[in-house]
Amino acid sequence: MSDERAFVRATWANVLGNAAKILVEGAVGLSTGSLALIADAAHSLADLLASLVVLVWGRLTYAGPDSTHPHGHERIEALTALFVGVTLIVLAGNLLWETYHTLQSGTDVRFSYALVGGLAFAIVDMVAVYWYTVRMNRELNSPSLRALAVDCQNDVYTSFAAAIGVFGVAFGFPALDAVAGGLVSLLVGYQGVEVARENVDYLVGSAPEQDEWNRIRDAILEHPAVEGVHDLQVYYIGPELEVEFHAEVDGAYTLREAHDIETELNQRVRALPIVGDAHAHLDPAGMGEWKDAAE
């Protein structure tokens, strides 16, 4: 199966899973007046929108470089994942407001076994979608699919939080339904901030963690022809790293030999899992240029 096809199938699973959850929880929540279930269904409405955006927009990542995007379309995927995070943050604020309003004005939620059935369906539905998304993303390492998987996991937690409200109603404590809605909103907001923060780094070209930088530097220095490295620049372009560096080699190499070394270095760095592209420049060792370059 091609990467693009796997991406599309995983995204469709999220679209259909969220649509089913909205229909079941929305119908049960509206018929019983449960704020917890309505909040959980509203959360899935935002998830459905995010999944549709990823489906339409995120697949552009696989279009490859063209005349208008010479570095490819990888940043588009990070942008779609950022949209997922921002959507969750906005939704969390709205749910918190609804919780406050309900606690102030009271609730008329009624217990029904349909509440239990609706929650059970929502949990099983999201566990299945989460498992499938994670399984498909093992090879793709897609940030937007990872964001959707986090959202599925978040849905499971929010459904368990909603269960607190349902059992509160069953045992004569209807205010717990609104409290559960508040717990749902806080969890939604936290996950939204985490997803957004990760993908902002991808979009603005942030540097990776020091361990990743060291791994790339070591891969360059391990080449037998390399005597030193300087001006090593590593930064994100979308979810992948772009690497630029100067490698110091023996100045006696012929032009063809130097060309082969440069090719081997680029291939060596590009072979690292998180690296998308690499650009090597060879310098004759002993010129002293490295002494003035900050590593």
Protein backbone atom coordinates (compact mmCIF):
# COMPACT_ATOMS: atom_id res chain seq x y z
CA MET A 1 0.00 0.00 0.00
CA SER A 2 1.37 3.45 -0.92
CA ASP A 3 1.96 6.06 1.78
CA GLU A 4 -0.70 8.34 0.32
CA ARG A 5 -3.29 5.57 0.23
CA ALA A 6 -2.51 4.59 3.84
CA PHE A 7 -2.82 8.24 4.87
CA VAL A 8 -6.20 8.61 3.15
CA ARG A 9 -7.57 5.38 4.64
CA ALA A 10 -6.53 6.37 8.17
CA THR A 11 -8.09 9.82 7.75
CA TRP A 12 -11.33 8.35 6.41
CA ALA A 13 -11.49 6.10 9.48
CA ASN A 14 -11.40 9.23 11.64
CA VAL A 15 -14.08 10.96 9.56
CA LEU A 16 -16.48 8.02 9.72
CA GLY A 17 -15.74 7.22 13.37
CA ASN A 18 -16.40 10.78 14.49
CA ALA A 19 -19.58 11.02 12.39
CA ALA A 20 -20.97 7.86 14.02
CA LYS A 21 -20.07 9.13 17.51
CA ILE A 22 -21.77 12.47 16.87
CA LEU A 23 -25.00 10.85 15.68
CA VAL A 24 -25.26 8.46 18.63
CA GLU A 25 -24.14 10.77 21.45
CA GLY A 26 -25.94 13.80 20.03
CA ALA A 27 -29.26 11.97 19.77
CA VAL A 28 -28.97 10.51 23.29
CA GLY A 29 -27.73 13.76 24.83
CA LEU A 30 -30.51 15.87 23.32
CA SER A 31 -33.22 13.39 24.27
CA THR A 32 -32.07 13.20 27.92
CA GLY A 33 -30.70 16.72 28.43
CA SER A 34 -27.21 15.45 29.38
CA LEU A 35 -24.63 18.25 29.08
CA ALA A 36 -21.81 15.71 29.41
CA LEU A 37 -22.95 13.77 26.33
CA ILE A 38 -23.78 16.92 24.37
CA ALA A 39 -20.29 18.28 25.19
CA ASP A 40 -18.70 15.01 24.13
CA ALA A 41 -20.67 15.04 20.87
CA ALA A 42 -19.72 18.69 20.26
CA HIS A 43 -16.08 17.77 20.78
CA SER A 44 -16.46 15.11 18.10
CA LEU A 45 -18.06 17.68 15.79
CA ALA A 46 -14.83 19.67 15.95
CA ASP A 47 -12.91 16.44 15.44
CA LEU A 48 -14.97 15.67 12.35
CA LEU A 49 -14.17 19.08 10.89
CA ALA A 50 -10.48 18.62 11.67
CA SER A 51 -10.49 15.15 10.07
CA LEU A 52 -12.08 16.53 6.92
CA VAL A 53 -9.46 19.28 6.73
CA VAL A 54 -6.66 16.72 7.13
CA LEU A 55 -8.26 14.52 4.45
CA VAL A 56 -8.53 17.33 1.90
CA TRP A 57 -5.46 19.38 2.81
CA GLY A 58 -3.00 16.98 4.41
CA ARG A 59 -2.75 14.67 1.39
CA LEU A 60 -1.06 17.52 -0.51
CA THR A 61 2.05 16.49 1.42
CA TYR A 62 2.42 13.60 -1.01
CA ALA A 63 2.30 15.82 -4.10
CA GLY A 64 6.10 16.30 -4.01
CA PRO A 65 8.09 19.40 -5.05
CA ASP A 66 6.88 21.54 -7.94
CA SER A 67 7.64 24.92 -9.50
CA THR A 68 5.72 26.80 -6.80
CA HIS A 69 6.86 24.65 -3.84
CA PRO A 70 10.46 23.58 -4.60
CA HIS A 71 10.91 22.10 -1.10
CA GLY A 72 7.70 20.06 -1.32
CA HIS A 73 4.46 20.45 0.62
CA GLU A 74 5.48 19.04 4.02
CA ARG A 75 4.58 22.22 5.90
CA ILE A 76 0.97 21.89 4.74
CA GLU A 77 0.61 18.79 6.91
CA ALA A 78 1.93 20.63 9.96
CA LEU A 79 -0.52 23.43 9.20
CA THR A 80 -3.44 20.98 9.17
CA ALA A 81 -2.30 19.51 12.49
CA LEU A 82 -2.07 23.05 13.91
CA PHE A 83 -5.66 23.59 12.79
CA VAL A 84 -6.67 20.51 14.80
CA GLY A 85 -4.98 21.93 17.91
CA VAL A 86 -6.52 25.40 17.59
CA THR A 87 -9.96 23.87 17.01
CA LEU A 88 -9.63 21.91 20.25
CA ILE A 89 -8.60 25.03 22.20
CA VAL A 90 -11.58 27.05 20.93
CA LEU A 91 -13.96 24.20 21.66
CA ALA A 92 -12.58 23.80 25.19
CA GLY A 93 -13.30 27.46 25.94
CA ASN A 94 -16.87 27.12 24.71
CA LEU A 95 -17.47 23.98 26.78
CA LEU A 96 -16.11 25.66 29.91
CA TRP A 97 -18.56 28.51 29.42
CA GLU A 98 -21.44 26.06 29.02
CA THR A 99 -20.38 24.27 32.21
CA TYR A 100 -20.33 27.52 34.17
CA HIS A 101 -23.71 28.56 32.81
CA THR A 102 -25.28 25.18 33.66
CA LEU A 103 -23.90 25.15 37.20
CA GLN A 104 -25.34 28.65 37.73
CA SER A 105 -28.79 27.97 36.28
CA GLY A 106 -29.23 24.29 37.14
CA THR A 107 -29.89 21.27 34.97
CA ASP A 108 -32.90 19.10 34.18
CA VAL A 109 -30.97 16.09 32.88
CA ARG A 110 -32.86 12.76 33.16
CA PHE A 111 -31.27 9.35 33.61
CA SER A 112 -31.80 6.76 30.91
CA TYR A 113 -30.06 3.51 30.07
CA ALA A 114 -29.61 5.05 26.65
CA LEU A 115 -26.98 7.29 28.29
CA VAL A 116 -24.93 4.24 29.25
CA GLY A 117 -25.38 2.70 25.80
CA GLY A 118 -24.36 5.92 24.06
CA LEU A 119 -21.19 6.23 26.13
CA ALA A 120 -20.29 2.57 25.63
CA PHE A 121 -20.64 2.99 21.85
CA ALA A 122 -18.52 6.18 21.91
CA ILE A 123 -15.69 4.50 23.83
CA VAL A 124 -15.56 1.37 21.65
CA ASP A 125 -15.81 3.51 18.49
CA MET A 126 -12.90 5.77 19.43
CA VAL A 127 -10.68 2.94 20.71
CA ALA A 128 -11.08 1.21 17.33
CA VAL A 129 -10.32 4.40 15.36
CA TYR A 130 -7.33 5.21 17.62
CA TRP A 131 -5.87 1.71 17.17
CA TYR A 132 -6.28 1.84 13.40
CA THR A 133 -4.79 5.35 13.09
CA VAL A 134 -1.74 4.48 15.21
CA ARG A 135 -1.23 1.24 13.27
CA MET A 136 -1.33 3.02 9.90
CA ASN A 137 0.95 5.81 11.13
CA ARG A 138 3.79 3.57 12.31
CA GLU A 139 5.48 3.81 8.93
CA LEU A 140 4.13 7.20 7.84
CA ASN A 141 5.13 9.20 10.96
CA SER A 142 2.59 11.85 9.94
CA PRO A 143 2.10 14.76 12.41
CA SER A 144 -1.49 15.30 11.30
CA LEU A 145 -2.35 11.61 11.77
CA ARG A 146 -0.55 11.73 15.10
CA ALA A 147 -2.71 14.71 16.06
CA LEU A 148 -5.85 12.82 15.06
CA ALA A 149 -4.71 9.77 17.05
CA VAL A 150 -4.15 11.96 20.12
CA ASP A 151 -7.62 13.34 19.59
CA CYS A 152 -9.11 9.82 19.45
CA GLN A 153 -7.33 8.97 22.70
CA ASN A 154 -8.63 12.21 24.13
CA ASP A 155 -12.15 11.20 23.07
CA VAL A 156 -11.89 8.00 25.09
CA TYR A 157 -10.88 9.98 28.17
CA THR A 158 -13.63 12.52 27.68
CA SER A 159 -16.20 9.74 27.35
CA PHE A 160 -15.04 8.29 30.66
CA ALA A 161 -15.32 11.78 32.17
CA ALA A 162 -18.84 12.02 30.76
CA ALA A 163 -19.58 8.70 32.47
CA ILE A 164 -19.05 10.44 35.83
CA GLY A 165 -21.93 12.75 34.97
CA VAL A 166 -24.15 9.87 33.81
CA PHE A 167 -23.65 7.91 37.02
CA GLY A 168 -24.10 11.09 39.04
CA VAL A 169 -27.51 11.54 37.43
CA ALA A 170 -28.33 7.87 38.10
CA PHE A 171 -27.61 8.26 41.81
CA GLY A 172 -29.37 11.59 42.28
CA PHE A 173 -26.52 14.08 41.77
CA PRO A 174 -27.37 15.78 38.45
CA ALA A 175 -24.79 18.57 39.00
CA LEU A 176 -22.09 15.98 38.33
CA ASP A 177 -23.21 15.98 34.70
CA ALA A 178 -22.13 19.62 34.35
CA VAL A 179 -18.94 18.98 36.32
CA ALA A 180 -18.12 16.13 33.94
CA GLY A 181 -18.66 18.52 31.04
CA GLY A 182 -16.10 20.85 32.63
CA LEU A 183 -13.57 18.03 33.04
CA VAL A 184 -14.04 17.18 29.37
CA SER A 185 -13.34 20.76 28.33
CA LEU A 186 -10.14 21.01 30.41
CA LEU A 187 -8.76 17.83 28.90
CA VAL A 188 -9.69 18.96 25.41
CA GLY A 189 -7.94 22.29 25.93
CA TYR A 190 -4.75 20.67 27.26
CA GLN A 191 -4.48 18.33 24.29
CA GLY A 192 -5.16 21.20 21.91
CA VAL A 193 -2.29 23.24 23.36
CA GLU A 194 0.11 20.27 23.08
CA VAL A 195 -0.79 19.56 19.44
CA ALA A 196 -0.56 23.25 18.50
CA ARG A 197 2.80 23.75 20.23
CA GLU A 198 4.42 20.81 18.42
CA ASN A 199 3.30 21.95 15.00
CA VAL A 200 4.20 25.62 15.49
CA ASP A 201 7.81 24.38 15.83
CA TYR A 202 7.47 22.54 12.52
CA LEU A 203 6.12 25.64 10.77
CA VAL A 204 8.61 28.25 11.99
CA GLY A 205 11.75 26.18 11.26
CA SER A 206 12.81 25.46 14.83
CA ALA A 207 15.98 23.53 15.63
CA PRO A 208 15.65 19.95 16.91
CA GLU A 209 16.65 18.69 20.35
CA GLN A 210 20.40 18.62 21.04
CA ASP A 211 20.49 14.81 20.95
CA GLU A 212 19.14 14.82 17.39
CA TRP A 213 21.69 17.47 16.37
CA ASN A 214 24.50 15.37 17.88
CA ARG A 215 23.28 12.24 16.07
CA ILE A 216 23.49 14.05 12.73
CA ARG A 217 26.94 15.46 13.49
CA ASP A 218 28.22 12.01 14.50
CA ALA A 219 26.88 10.48 11.26
CA ILE A 220 28.93 13.02 9.28
CA LEU A 221 32.12 12.55 11.30
CA GLU A 222 31.88 8.75 11.03
CA HIS A 223 32.63 8.96 7.30
CA PRO A 224 36.29 7.88 6.92
CA ALA A 225 37.18 10.81 4.63
CA VAL A 226 35.85 13.52 6.97
CA GLU A 227 38.38 15.24 9.26
CA GLY A 228 36.00 17.83 10.71
CA VAL A 229 32.63 19.53 10.32
CA HIS A 230 31.46 23.11 10.81
CA ASP A 231 28.54 25.41 9.96
CA LEU A 232 26.15 22.56 10.73
CA GLN A 233 22.62 23.92 10.43
CA VAL A 234 19.66 21.66 11.31
CA TYR A 235 16.07 22.91 11.25
CA TYR A 236 12.54 21.71 10.61
CA ILE A 237 10.77 22.04 7.27
CA GLY A 238 7.40 20.63 8.20
CA PRO A 239 7.85 17.43 10.24
CA GLU A 240 11.23 16.64 8.64
CA LEU A 241 14.70 18.09 9.21
CA GLU A 242 16.76 20.00 6.67
CA VAL A 243 20.53 19.68 7.16
CA GLU A 244 23.28 21.92 5.77
CA PHE A 245 26.96 21.54 6.67
CA HIS A 246 30.60 22.01 5.65
CA ALA A 247 32.75 18.87 5.86
CA GLU A 248 36.56 19.10 5.98
CA VAL A 249 38.42 16.56 3.82
CA ASP A 250 41.93 16.06 2.47
CA GLY A 251 42.63 18.74 -0.13
CA ALA A 252 44.48 16.23 -2.35
CA TYR A 253 41.28 14.48 -3.48
CA THR A 254 40.46 14.82 -7.16
CA LEU A 255 37.27 16.58 -8.21
CA ARG A 256 35.60 13.24 -9.00
CA GLU A 257 36.67 11.76 -5.63
CA ALA A 258 35.37 14.84 -3.81
CA HIS A 259 32.09 14.58 -5.71
CA ASP A 260 31.69 10.94 -4.62
CA ILE A 261 32.42 11.83 -0.97
CA GLU A 262 29.86 14.63 -1.06
CA THR A 263 27.26 12.25 -2.52
CA GLU A 264 28.00 9.65 0.17
CA LEU A 265 27.69 12.25 2.93
CA ASN A 266 24.33 13.49 1.66
CA GLN A 267 23.04 9.92 1.40
CA ARG A 268 24.36 9.06 4.86
CA VAL A 269 22.55 12.00 6.49
CA ARG A 270 19.34 11.54 4.48
CA ALA A 271 19.22 7.92 5.66
CA LEU A 272 18.54 9.11 9.24
CA PRO A 273 14.83 8.58 9.98
CA ILE A 274 13.81 12.18 10.70
CA VAL A 275 15.93 13.86 7.99
CA GLY A 276 14.19 14.94 4.80
CA ASP A 277 17.09 16.50 2.90
CA ALA A 278 20.80 17.26 3.31
CA HIS A 279 23.27 19.58 1.57
CA ALA A 280 27.01 19.05 2.02
CA HIS A 281 29.81 21.45 1.10
CA LEU A 282 33.38 20.16 1.10
CA ASP A 283 36.30 22.23 2.39
CA PRO A 284 40.00 21.28 2.18
CA ALA A 285 41.18 20.42 5.70
CA GLY A 286 43.71 22.78 7.22
CA MET A 287 42.33 26.03 5.78
CA GLY A 288 41.38 27.17 9.28
CA GLU A 289 37.88 28.24 8.27
CA TRP A 290 36.42 26.00 10.98
CA LYS A 291 38.18 28.00 13.71
CA ASP A 292 35.87 30.93 13.07
CA ALA A 293 32.67 28.89 12.76
CA ALA A 294 30.42 28.40 15.75
CA GLU A 295 29.20 24.81 16.01
